[in-house]
Amino acid sequence: MREMDLAAADIIRLFDLRPLPVEGGYYRETYTGDLQLPASVLPPSIRSERPVKSVIFYLLTADTQSRLHRLETDEMWHFYLGDRVDLYVFGAEVDYTQIVLGHDLLDGQTVQAVVPAHSWFGARLQSGGRWALMACSLAPAYRDEDFSLPNDAEFDDLLTRFPCQRAVLHQLR
């Protein structure tokens, strides 16, 4: 079966993906390192020991998105198959970046991108897209306590700092 013959339901079945609560999309954890890092060598915002790394498969579909959220660690996105994805990153300061994940490298797309720790970010398929299969890796490993959605004050701050991106921010919320 060729890539474009696949439907999102095929990818979900082939990779045994499950809905990702709160954030959106579908996922399956594929790797968590055995080596543990003590809290003393980790950034101050991470208060407990962690495995050195974790990786998930992540699927976006036409009716899902990665909601606007923040993590305590850098997150590396790896694009594998499917349609183009817009990854929106709102930095801790005043920087905003829109990264296009996809295979058309000559058109400015990329197959890998890093979202810096403490940045607000979200992702969705470009208009007309059906699905995209990616992986997300974090070092140190992901823990649920590292994930946060913006509260009302934080969201209002984002709207103030990024007035040209109001529509995107509202769509990702």
C-alpha atoms as a PDB file:
ATOM      1  CA  MET A   1       0.000   0.000   0.000  1.00  0.00           C
ATOM      2  CA  ARG A   2       1.399   3.407  -0.976  1.00  0.00           C
ATOM      3  CA  GLU A   3       1.444   6.338   1.433  1.00  0.00           C
ATOM      4  CA  MET A   4      -1.326   8.322  -0.245  1.00  0.00           C
ATOM      5  CA  ASP A   5      -3.558   5.241  -0.404  1.00  0.00           C
ATOM      6  CA  LEU A   6      -3.554   5.141   3.387  1.00  0.00           C
ATOM      7  CA  ALA A   7      -6.303   6.768   5.414  1.00  0.00           C
ATOM      8  CA  ALA A   8      -5.902   8.094   8.957  1.00  0.00           C
ATOM      9  CA  ALA A   9      -7.814   5.045  10.215  1.00  0.00           C
ATOM     10  CA  ASP A  10      -5.187   2.788   8.584  1.00  0.00           C
ATOM     11  CA  ILE A  11      -2.361   4.626  10.359  1.00  0.00           C
ATOM     12  CA  ILE A  12      -4.211   4.457  13.686  1.00  0.00           C
ATOM     13  CA  ARG A  13      -4.665   0.703  13.267  1.00  0.00           C
ATOM     14  CA  LEU A  14      -1.172  -0.075  11.889  1.00  0.00           C
ATOM     15  CA  PHE A  15       0.603   1.837  14.654  1.00  0.00           C
ATOM     16  CA  ASP A  16      -1.897   1.007  17.426  1.00  0.00           C
ATOM     17  CA  LEU A  17      -2.458   4.694  18.194  1.00  0.00           C
ATOM     18  CA  ARG A  18      -4.814   6.036  20.855  1.00  0.00           C
ATOM     19  CA  PRO A  19      -6.434   9.470  21.290  1.00  0.00           C
ATOM     20  CA  LEU A  20      -4.121  11.868  23.128  1.00  0.00           C
ATOM     21  CA  PRO A  21      -6.174  13.378  25.968  1.00  0.00           C
ATOM     22  CA  VAL A  22      -6.289  17.165  26.351  1.00  0.00           C
ATOM     23  CA  GLU A  23      -3.759  18.000  23.595  1.00  0.00           C
ATOM     24  CA  GLY A  24      -5.497  16.232  20.714  1.00  0.00           C
ATOM     25  CA  GLY A  25      -4.339  13.936  17.948  1.00  0.00           C
ATOM     26  CA  TYR A  26      -3.368  10.278  18.352  1.00  0.00           C
ATOM     27  CA  TYR A  27      -0.249   8.775  19.887  1.00  0.00           C
ATOM     28  CA  ARG A  28       1.644   5.777  21.172  1.00  0.00           C
ATOM     29  CA  GLU A  29       4.723   5.866  23.357  1.00  0.00           C
ATOM     30  CA  THR A  30       7.470   3.965  21.547  1.00  0.00           C
ATOM     31  CA  TYR A  31      10.527   4.469  23.743  1.00  0.00           C
ATOM     32  CA  THR A  32      11.473   5.533  27.246  1.00  0.00           C
ATOM     33  CA  GLY A  33      15.124   5.326  28.200  1.00  0.00           C
ATOM     34  CA  ASP A  34      16.242   3.068  31.043  1.00  0.00           C
ATOM     35  CA  LEU A  35      18.928   5.484  32.237  1.00  0.00           C
ATOM     36  CA  GLN A  36      17.584   7.763  35.003  1.00  0.00           C
ATOM     37  CA  LEU A  37      18.767  11.340  35.418  1.00  0.00           C
ATOM     38  CA  PRO A  38      18.737  12.659  38.994  1.00  0.00           C
ATOM     39  CA  ALA A  39      16.799  15.878  39.611  1.00  0.00           C
ATOM     40  CA  SER A  40      20.050  17.579  40.638  1.00  0.00           C
ATOM     41  CA  VAL A  41      21.295  17.588  37.012  1.00  0.00           C
ATOM     42  CA  LEU A  42      17.990  18.730  35.490  1.00  0.00           C
ATOM     43  CA  PRO A  43      16.639  22.268  35.070  1.00  0.00           C
ATOM     44  CA  PRO A  44      15.086  23.724  38.253  1.00  0.00           C
ATOM     45  CA  SER A  45      11.557  23.463  36.811  1.00  0.00           C
ATOM     46  CA  ILE A  46      11.917  19.661  36.771  1.00  0.00           C
ATOM     47  CA  ARG A  47      11.847  18.495  40.373  1.00  0.00           C
ATOM     48  CA  SER A  48      12.072  14.708  40.090  1.00  0.00           C
ATOM     49  CA  GLU A  49      14.371  12.178  38.496  1.00  0.00           C
ATOM     50  CA  ARG A  50      13.596  11.263  34.898  1.00  0.00           C
ATOM     51  CA  PRO A  51      14.475   8.769  32.226  1.00  0.00           C
ATOM     52  CA  VAL A  52      16.954  10.344  29.853  1.00  0.00           C
ATOM     53  CA  LYS A  53      14.578  10.358  26.852  1.00  0.00           C
ATOM     54  CA  SER A  54      11.095   9.463  25.593  1.00  0.00           C
ATOM     55  CA  VAL A  55       9.594   9.198  22.103  1.00  0.00           C
ATOM     56  CA  ILE A  56       6.029   8.922  20.802  1.00  0.00           C
ATOM     57  CA  PHE A  57       4.407   8.392  17.428  1.00  0.00           C
ATOM     58  CA  TYR A  58       2.016  11.306  16.887  1.00  0.00           C
ATOM     59  CA  LEU A  59      -0.748  11.563  14.295  1.00  0.00           C
ATOM     60  CA  LEU A  60      -2.752  14.611  13.313  1.00  0.00           C
ATOM     61  CA  THR A  61      -5.917  14.197  11.265  1.00  0.00           C
ATOM     62  CA  ALA A  62      -8.217  16.622   9.481  1.00  0.00           C
ATOM     63  CA  ASP A  63     -10.403  16.835  12.595  1.00  0.00           C
ATOM     64  CA  THR A  64      -7.655  17.057  15.250  1.00  0.00           C
ATOM     65  CA  GLN A  65      -4.937  19.484  16.234  1.00  0.00           C
ATOM     66  CA  SER A  66      -2.225  19.840  18.825  1.00  0.00           C
ATOM     67  CA  ARG A  67      -3.809  22.383  21.167  1.00  0.00           C
ATOM     68  CA  LEU A  68      -1.843  25.367  22.385  1.00  0.00           C
ATOM     69  CA  HIS A  69       0.314  24.175  25.277  1.00  0.00           C
ATOM     70  CA  ARG A  70       3.722  24.446  26.931  1.00  0.00           C
ATOM     71  CA  LEU A  71       6.308  21.893  28.083  1.00  0.00           C
ATOM     72  CA  GLU A  72       9.165  22.070  30.579  1.00  0.00           C
ATOM     73  CA  THR A  73      11.637  20.482  28.128  1.00  0.00           C
ATOM     74  CA  ASP A  74      12.619  20.925  24.499  1.00  0.00           C
ATOM     75  CA  GLU A  75      10.521  18.823  22.131  1.00  0.00           C
ATOM     76  CA  MET A  76      11.862  17.546  18.811  1.00  0.00           C
ATOM     77  CA  TRP A  77       9.272  16.945  16.059  1.00  0.00           C
ATOM     78  CA  HIS A  78      10.106  14.403  13.323  1.00  0.00           C
ATOM     79  CA  PHE A  79       7.934  14.302  10.184  1.00  0.00           C
ATOM     80  CA  TYR A  80       7.481  10.845   8.613  1.00  0.00           C
ATOM     81  CA  LEU A  81       4.466  10.572   6.303  1.00  0.00           C
ATOM     82  CA  GLY A  82       1.418  12.427   5.097  1.00  0.00           C
ATOM     83  CA  ASP A  83       0.348  16.001   4.537  1.00  0.00           C
ATOM     84  CA  ARG A  84       2.014  19.262   5.552  1.00  0.00           C
ATOM     85  CA  VAL A  85       1.733  20.434   9.153  1.00  0.00           C
ATOM     86  CA  ASP A  86       1.949  24.000  10.461  1.00  0.00           C
ATOM     87  CA  LEU A  87       3.779  24.090  13.797  1.00  0.00           C
ATOM     88  CA  TYR A  88       3.245  27.425  15.574  1.00  0.00           C
ATOM     89  CA  VAL A  89       5.779  28.410  18.251  1.00  0.00           C
ATOM     90  CA  PHE A  90       5.299  31.422  20.520  1.00  0.00           C
ATOM     91  CA  GLY A  91       8.576  32.035  22.332  1.00  0.00           C
ATOM     92  CA  ALA A  92       9.046  32.952  25.953  1.00  0.00           C
ATOM     93  CA  GLU A  93      10.025  36.461  24.814  1.00  0.00           C
ATOM     94  CA  VAL A  94       8.522  38.144  21.736  1.00  0.00           C
ATOM     95  CA  ASP A  95       9.532  35.723  18.990  1.00  0.00           C
ATOM     96  CA  TYR A  96       7.011  33.844  16.863  1.00  0.00           C
ATOM     97  CA  THR A  97       7.823  31.100  14.370  1.00  0.00           C
ATOM     98  CA  GLN A  98       5.661  29.137  11.982  1.00  0.00           C
ATOM     99  CA  ILE A  99       7.416  25.959  10.856  1.00  0.00           C
ATOM    100  CA  VAL A 100       6.060  23.846   8.014  1.00  0.00           C
ATOM    101  CA  LEU A 101       6.705  20.143   8.511  1.00  0.00           C
ATOM    102  CA  GLY A 102       6.686  18.138   5.285  1.00  0.00           C
ATOM    103  CA  HIS A 103       8.813  16.552   2.582  1.00  0.00           C
ATOM    104  CA  ASP A 104       9.028  19.401   0.040  1.00  0.00           C
ATOM    105  CA  LEU A 105      12.410  20.675   1.191  1.00  0.00           C
ATOM    106  CA  LEU A 106      12.805  22.948  -1.858  1.00  0.00           C
ATOM    107  CA  ASP A 107       9.604  24.732  -0.818  1.00  0.00           C
ATOM    108  CA  GLY A 108      10.927  25.483   2.680  1.00  0.00           C
ATOM    109  CA  GLN A 109       9.393  22.529   4.476  1.00  0.00           C
ATOM    110  CA  THR A 110      11.437  20.574   6.990  1.00  0.00           C
ATOM    111  CA  VAL A 111      11.325  17.051   8.369  1.00  0.00           C
ATOM    112  CA  GLN A 112      12.561  18.024  11.833  1.00  0.00           C
ATOM    113  CA  ALA A 113      12.013  20.952  14.185  1.00  0.00           C
ATOM    114  CA  VAL A 114      12.712  21.796  17.818  1.00  0.00           C
ATOM    115  CA  VAL A 115      10.271  23.587  20.099  1.00  0.00           C
ATOM    116  CA  PRO A 116      12.281  25.185  22.931  1.00  0.00           C
ATOM    117  CA  ALA A 117      11.252  24.490  26.514  1.00  0.00           C
ATOM    118  CA  HIS A 118       8.717  26.945  27.994  1.00  0.00           C
ATOM    119  CA  SER A 119       7.458  28.069  24.566  1.00  0.00           C
ATOM    120  CA  TRP A 120       3.745  28.002  23.867  1.00  0.00           C
ATOM    121  CA  PHE A 121       3.001  25.961  20.754  1.00  0.00           C
ATOM    122  CA  GLY A 122       0.455  24.013  18.779  1.00  0.00           C
ATOM    123  CA  ALA A 123       0.118  22.349  15.393  1.00  0.00           C
ATOM    124  CA  ARG A 124      -2.448  21.475  12.774  1.00  0.00           C
ATOM    125  CA  LEU A 125      -2.623  20.159   9.243  1.00  0.00           C
ATOM    126  CA  GLN A 126      -2.562  22.698   6.464  1.00  0.00           C
ATOM    127  CA  SER A 127      -5.900  23.291   4.759  1.00  0.00           C
ATOM    128  CA  GLY A 128      -7.031  20.242   2.790  1.00  0.00           C
ATOM    129  CA  GLY A 129      -4.676  17.876   4.615  1.00  0.00           C
ATOM    130  CA  ARG A 130      -5.939  14.417   5.598  1.00  0.00           C
ATOM    131  CA  TRP A 131      -3.310  13.183   8.062  1.00  0.00           C
ATOM    132  CA  ALA A 132       0.352  13.402   9.073  1.00  0.00           C
ATOM    133  CA  LEU A 133       2.409  10.846  10.993  1.00  0.00           C
ATOM    134  CA  MET A 134       5.236  12.237  13.082  1.00  0.00           C
ATOM    135  CA  ALA A 135       7.254  11.447  16.165  1.00  0.00           C
ATOM    136  CA  CYS A 136       7.974  13.695  19.119  1.00  0.00           C
ATOM    137  CA  SER A 137      11.005  13.125  21.312  1.00  0.00           C
ATOM    138  CA  LEU A 138      11.855  14.755  24.616  1.00  0.00           C
ATOM    139  CA  ALA A 139      15.019  14.724  26.684  1.00  0.00           C
ATOM    140  CA  PRO A 140      14.658  14.366  29.594  1.00  0.00           C
ATOM    141  CA  ALA A 141      11.608  12.146  29.219  1.00  0.00           C
ATOM    142  CA  TYR A 142       8.065  13.511  29.221  1.00  0.00           C
ATOM    143  CA  ARG A 143       5.937  13.488  32.356  1.00  0.00           C
ATOM    144  CA  ASP A 144       2.340  14.711  32.598  1.00  0.00           C
ATOM    145  CA  GLU A 145       3.311  17.393  35.111  1.00  0.00           C
ATOM    146  CA  ASP A 146       5.464  19.031  32.385  1.00  0.00           C
ATOM    147  CA  PHE A 147       2.376  19.801  30.254  1.00  0.00           C
ATOM    148  CA  SER A 148       0.235  22.903  30.712  1.00  0.00           C
ATOM    149  CA  LEU A 149      -2.515  24.670  28.813  1.00  0.00           C
ATOM    150  CA  PRO A 150      -2.618  28.461  29.054  1.00  0.00           C
ATOM    151  CA  ASN A 151      -4.870  29.863  31.752  1.00  0.00           C
ATOM    152  CA  ASP A 152      -6.913  32.973  30.904  1.00  0.00           C
ATOM    153  CA  ALA A 153      -4.199  35.413  32.019  1.00  0.00           C
ATOM    154  CA  GLU A 154      -1.496  33.575  30.053  1.00  0.00           C
ATOM    155  CA  PHE A 155      -3.715  33.458  26.967  1.00  0.00           C
ATOM    156  CA  ASP A 156      -4.459  37.192  27.254  1.00  0.00           C
ATOM    157  CA  ASP A 157      -0.704  37.820  27.531  1.00  0.00           C
ATOM    158  CA  LEU A 158      -0.127  35.838  24.320  1.00  0.00           C
ATOM    159  CA  LEU A 159      -2.820  37.873  22.547  1.00  0.00           C
ATOM    160  CA  THR A 160      -1.110  41.083  23.702  1.00  0.00           C
ATOM    161  CA  ARG A 161       2.394  39.970  22.706  1.00  0.00           C
ATOM    162  CA  PHE A 162       1.370  38.455  19.359  1.00  0.00           C
ATOM    163  CA  PRO A 163      -1.484  40.634  18.035  1.00  0.00           C
ATOM    164  CA  CYS A 164      -0.894  39.552  14.421  1.00  0.00           C
ATOM    165  CA  GLN A 165      -1.467  35.918  15.448  1.00  0.00           C
ATOM    166  CA  ARG A 166      -4.773  36.361  17.292  1.00  0.00           C
ATOM    167  CA  ALA A 167      -6.698  34.139  14.863  1.00  0.00           C
ATOM    168  CA  VAL A 168      -4.123  31.331  15.108  1.00  0.00           C
ATOM    169  CA  LEU A 169      -4.048  31.564  18.911  1.00  0.00           C
ATOM    170  CA  HIS A 170      -7.841  31.338  19.124  1.00  0.00           C
ATOM    171  CA  GLN A 171      -7.918  28.389  16.700  1.00  0.00           C
ATOM    172  CA  LEU A 172      -5.276  26.478  18.676  1.00  0.00           C
ATOM    173  CA  ARG A 173      -6.957  27.089  22.025  1.00  0.00           C
END
